[in-house]
């Protein structure tokens, strides 16, 4: 219970990716407000503090930390690990250079990468890029 008579639920994450912040039905019925805290590289940052029901109406019951930070206009910088395997890593490097899907896949296949691997890794690269991850 806060000093204003409203109940508060606090969620915390230390992930650098777009992990889900699970808010169970019971929590949303018991708490009025929500605070989402993010710990990263030795710093604690409040991503969101406000009305829980207003947030859930906008971003859903299982929002990502990134969605919450967008809603609160307190954008979270996200990081994505590049693949370790040489073929997958090559596709990501080609995507950084060319960006065009057909050019990337064509060049990767010409270099000996399996076509399905090239297509899959291009989709993963594009998804990470669209979320605003630092690659």
C-alpha atoms as a PDB file:
ATOM      1  CA  UNK A   1       0.000   0.000   0.000  1.00  0.00           C
ATOM      2  CA  UNK A   2       1.362   3.380  -0.996  1.00  0.00           C
ATOM      3  CA  UNK A   3       0.875   6.592   0.947  1.00  0.00           C
ATOM      4  CA  UNK A   4      -1.871   7.619  -1.491  1.00  0.00           C
ATOM      5  CA  UNK A   5      -3.983   4.566  -0.624  1.00  0.00           C
ATOM      6  CA  UNK A   6      -3.273   2.788  -3.920  1.00  0.00           C
ATOM      7  CA  UNK A   7      -1.640  -0.628  -4.093  1.00  0.00           C
ATOM      8  CA  UNK A   8       1.615  -1.105  -6.016  1.00  0.00           C
ATOM      9  CA  UNK A   9       3.129  -4.062  -7.840  1.00  0.00           C
ATOM     10  CA  UNK A  10       6.853  -3.916  -8.642  1.00  0.00           C
ATOM     11  CA  UNK A  11       8.397  -5.939 -11.460  1.00  0.00           C
ATOM     12  CA  UNK A  12      12.127  -6.050 -12.143  1.00  0.00           C
ATOM     13  CA  UNK A  13      14.257  -7.265 -15.036  1.00  0.00           C
ATOM     14  CA  UNK A  14      17.960  -7.306 -15.775  1.00  0.00           C
ATOM     15  CA  UNK A  15      17.596  -8.578 -19.336  1.00  0.00           C
ATOM     16  CA  UNK A  16      19.036  -6.704 -22.294  1.00  0.00           C
ATOM     17  CA  UNK A  17      16.534  -8.249 -24.673  1.00  0.00           C
ATOM     18  CA  UNK A  18      12.825  -7.749 -25.136  1.00  0.00           C
ATOM     19  CA  UNK A  19      11.780 -10.129 -22.368  1.00  0.00           C
ATOM     20  CA  UNK A  20       8.172 -10.392 -21.289  1.00  0.00           C
ATOM     21  CA  UNK A  21       7.103  -8.822 -18.024  1.00  0.00           C
ATOM     22  CA  UNK A  22       4.400 -11.235 -16.910  1.00  0.00           C
ATOM     23  CA  UNK A  23       1.502  -9.675 -15.056  1.00  0.00           C
ATOM     24  CA  UNK A  24      -0.863 -12.310 -13.769  1.00  0.00           C
ATOM     25  CA  UNK A  25      -4.589 -11.755 -13.574  1.00  0.00           C
ATOM     26  CA  UNK A  26      -4.509 -11.852  -9.786  1.00  0.00           C
ATOM     27  CA  UNK A  27      -1.831  -9.142  -9.729  1.00  0.00           C
ATOM     28  CA  UNK A  28      -3.814  -6.872 -12.010  1.00  0.00           C
ATOM     29  CA  UNK A  29      -6.866  -7.297  -9.753  1.00  0.00           C
ATOM     30  CA  UNK A  30      -4.956  -6.576  -6.530  1.00  0.00           C
ATOM     31  CA  UNK A  31      -2.694  -3.692  -7.594  1.00  0.00           C
ATOM     32  CA  UNK A  32      -3.654  -0.246  -8.842  1.00  0.00           C
ATOM     33  CA  UNK A  33      -0.204   0.903  -9.931  1.00  0.00           C
ATOM     34  CA  UNK A  34       2.801  -0.763 -11.509  1.00  0.00           C
ATOM     35  CA  UNK A  35       6.502   0.009 -11.303  1.00  0.00           C
ATOM     36  CA  UNK A  36       8.849  -1.714 -13.758  1.00  0.00           C
ATOM     37  CA  UNK A  37      12.527  -1.515 -12.854  1.00  0.00           C
ATOM     38  CA  UNK A  38      15.408  -2.356 -15.199  1.00  0.00           C
ATOM     39  CA  UNK A  39      18.901  -3.159 -13.912  1.00  0.00           C
ATOM     40  CA  UNK A  40      21.669  -2.995 -16.512  1.00  0.00           C
ATOM     41  CA  UNK A  41      25.417  -2.519 -16.248  1.00  0.00           C
ATOM     42  CA  UNK A  42      25.346  -1.446 -12.626  1.00  0.00           C
ATOM     43  CA  UNK A  43      22.479   1.029 -12.954  1.00  0.00           C
ATOM     44  CA  UNK A  44      18.850   0.826 -11.875  1.00  0.00           C
ATOM     45  CA  UNK A  45      16.319   2.653 -14.010  1.00  0.00           C
ATOM     46  CA  UNK A  46      12.563   2.981 -13.626  1.00  0.00           C
ATOM     47  CA  UNK A  47      11.005   2.112 -16.981  1.00  0.00           C
ATOM     48  CA  UNK A  48       7.458   2.776 -15.880  1.00  0.00           C
ATOM     49  CA  UNK A  49       5.610   3.965 -12.812  1.00  0.00           C
ATOM     50  CA  UNK A  50       1.929   4.625 -13.084  1.00  0.00           C
ATOM     51  CA  UNK A  51      -1.552   3.193 -13.455  1.00  0.00           C
ATOM     52  CA  UNK A  52      -1.343  -0.537 -14.170  1.00  0.00           C
ATOM     53  CA  UNK A  53      -4.690  -0.776 -15.934  1.00  0.00           C
ATOM     54  CA  UNK A  54      -3.890   2.079 -18.313  1.00  0.00           C
ATOM     55  CA  UNK A  55      -0.610   0.364 -19.260  1.00  0.00           C
ATOM     56  CA  UNK A  56      -2.200  -3.074 -19.722  1.00  0.00           C
ATOM     57  CA  UNK A  57      -4.948  -1.608 -21.912  1.00  0.00           C
ATOM     58  CA  UNK A  58      -2.265  -0.249 -24.267  1.00  0.00           C
ATOM     59  CA  UNK A  59       0.382  -3.006 -24.288  1.00  0.00           C
ATOM     60  CA  UNK A  60      -1.424  -6.195 -23.213  1.00  0.00           C
ATOM     61  CA  UNK A  61      -1.084  -8.518 -20.229  1.00  0.00           C
ATOM     62  CA  UNK A  62       2.362  -9.860 -21.150  1.00  0.00           C
ATOM     63  CA  UNK A  63       4.215  -6.814 -22.438  1.00  0.00           C
ATOM     64  CA  UNK A  64       7.928  -6.751 -23.139  1.00  0.00           C
ATOM     65  CA  UNK A  65      10.189  -4.385 -21.265  1.00  0.00           C
ATOM     66  CA  UNK A  66      10.730  -2.627 -24.597  1.00  0.00           C
ATOM     67  CA  UNK A  67       6.960  -2.131 -25.140  1.00  0.00           C
ATOM     68  CA  UNK A  68       6.628  -0.710 -21.647  1.00  0.00           C
ATOM     69  CA  UNK A  69       9.524   1.676 -22.205  1.00  0.00           C
ATOM     70  CA  UNK A  70       7.958   2.828 -25.495  1.00  0.00           C
ATOM     71  CA  UNK A  71       4.592   3.437 -23.820  1.00  0.00           C
ATOM     72  CA  UNK A  72       6.259   5.426 -21.036  1.00  0.00           C
ATOM     73  CA  UNK A  73       8.368   7.343 -23.585  1.00  0.00           C
ATOM     74  CA  UNK A  74      11.416   6.193 -21.629  1.00  0.00           C
ATOM     75  CA  UNK A  75      13.019   4.136 -24.376  1.00  0.00           C
ATOM     76  CA  UNK A  76      15.090   1.172 -23.285  1.00  0.00           C
ATOM     77  CA  UNK A  77      18.276   0.474 -25.224  1.00  0.00           C
ATOM     78  CA  UNK A  78      18.322  -3.180 -26.160  1.00  0.00           C
ATOM     79  CA  UNK A  79      21.219  -5.390 -27.154  1.00  0.00           C
ATOM     80  CA  UNK A  80      21.153  -8.517 -29.255  1.00  0.00           C
ATOM     81  CA  UNK A  81      23.883 -11.138 -29.382  1.00  0.00           C
ATOM     82  CA  UNK A  82      25.083 -11.991 -32.839  1.00  0.00           C
ATOM     83  CA  UNK A  83      25.191 -15.667 -33.766  1.00  0.00           C
ATOM     84  CA  UNK A  84      28.389 -17.597 -33.099  1.00  0.00           C
ATOM     85  CA  UNK A  85      28.316 -20.061 -35.990  1.00  0.00           C
ATOM     86  CA  UNK A  86      30.334 -18.925 -38.998  1.00  0.00           C
ATOM     87  CA  UNK A  87      27.494 -19.380 -41.540  1.00  0.00           C
ATOM     88  CA  UNK A  88      24.928 -17.536 -39.426  1.00  0.00           C
ATOM     89  CA  UNK A  89      27.390 -14.801 -38.549  1.00  0.00           C
ATOM     90  CA  UNK A  90      28.192 -14.376 -42.265  1.00  0.00           C
ATOM     91  CA  UNK A  91      24.502 -13.806 -43.065  1.00  0.00           C
ATOM     92  CA  UNK A  92      24.265 -11.111 -40.378  1.00  0.00           C
ATOM     93  CA  UNK A  93      27.406  -9.408 -41.688  1.00  0.00           C
ATOM     94  CA  UNK A  94      26.024  -9.460 -45.244  1.00  0.00           C
ATOM     95  CA  UNK A  95      22.708  -8.080 -43.976  1.00  0.00           C
ATOM     96  CA  UNK A  96      24.554  -5.220 -42.268  1.00  0.00           C
ATOM     97  CA  UNK A  97      26.266  -4.419 -45.550  1.00  0.00           C
ATOM     98  CA  UNK A  98      23.474  -4.956 -48.093  1.00  0.00           C
ATOM     99  CA  UNK A  99      20.167  -5.021 -46.128  1.00  0.00           C
ATOM    100  CA  UNK A 100      18.253  -6.195 -49.241  1.00  0.00           C
ATOM    101  CA  UNK A 101      16.891  -9.685 -48.488  1.00  0.00           C
ATOM    102  CA  UNK A 102      17.431 -11.231 -51.914  1.00  0.00           C
ATOM    103  CA  UNK A 103      20.973  -9.812 -52.203  1.00  0.00           C
ATOM    104  CA  UNK A 104      21.922 -11.079 -48.751  1.00  0.00           C
ATOM    105  CA  UNK A 105      20.521 -14.572 -49.311  1.00  0.00           C
ATOM    106  CA  UNK A 106      22.014 -14.790 -52.812  1.00  0.00           C
ATOM    107  CA  UNK A 107      25.485 -13.788 -51.627  1.00  0.00           C
ATOM    108  CA  UNK A 108      25.315 -16.132 -48.639  1.00  0.00           C
ATOM    109  CA  UNK A 109      24.241 -19.103 -50.776  1.00  0.00           C
ATOM    110  CA  UNK A 110      27.008 -18.271 -53.303  1.00  0.00           C
ATOM    111  CA  UNK A 111      29.479 -18.421 -50.406  1.00  0.00           C
ATOM    112  CA  UNK A 112      28.258 -21.925 -49.454  1.00  0.00           C
ATOM    113  CA  UNK A 113      25.648 -21.171 -46.771  1.00  0.00           C
ATOM    114  CA  UNK A 114      22.568 -23.407 -46.850  1.00  0.00           C
ATOM    115  CA  UNK A 115      19.630 -21.454 -48.334  1.00  0.00           C
ATOM    116  CA  UNK A 116      17.297 -22.252 -45.418  1.00  0.00           C
ATOM    117  CA  UNK A 117      19.962 -21.104 -42.939  1.00  0.00           C
ATOM    118  CA  UNK A 118      20.452 -17.879 -44.910  1.00  0.00           C
ATOM    119  CA  UNK A 119      16.698 -17.191 -45.001  1.00  0.00           C
ATOM    120  CA  UNK A 120      16.241 -17.980 -41.312  1.00  0.00           C
ATOM    121  CA  UNK A 121      19.172 -15.831 -40.210  1.00  0.00           C
ATOM    122  CA  UNK A 122      18.061 -12.929 -42.394  1.00  0.00           C
ATOM    123  CA  UNK A 123      14.640 -13.022 -40.698  1.00  0.00           C
ATOM    124  CA  UNK A 124      16.296 -13.083 -37.253  1.00  0.00           C
ATOM    125  CA  UNK A 125      18.563 -10.154 -38.226  1.00  0.00           C
ATOM    126  CA  UNK A 126      15.605  -8.145 -39.579  1.00  0.00           C
ATOM    127  CA  UNK A 127      13.531  -8.829 -36.449  1.00  0.00           C
ATOM    128  CA  UNK A 128      16.348  -7.708 -34.160  1.00  0.00           C
ATOM    129  CA  UNK A 129      16.848  -4.618 -36.288  1.00  0.00           C
ATOM    130  CA  UNK A 130      13.117  -3.760 -36.261  1.00  0.00           C
ATOM    131  CA  UNK A 131      13.015  -3.909 -32.443  1.00  0.00           C
ATOM    132  CA  UNK A 132      15.756  -1.308 -32.331  1.00  0.00           C
ATOM    133  CA  UNK A 133      18.383  -3.619 -30.886  1.00  0.00           C
ATOM    134  CA  UNK A 134      22.008  -2.573 -30.928  1.00  0.00           C
ATOM    135  CA  UNK A 135      23.540  -5.294 -33.041  1.00  0.00           C
END
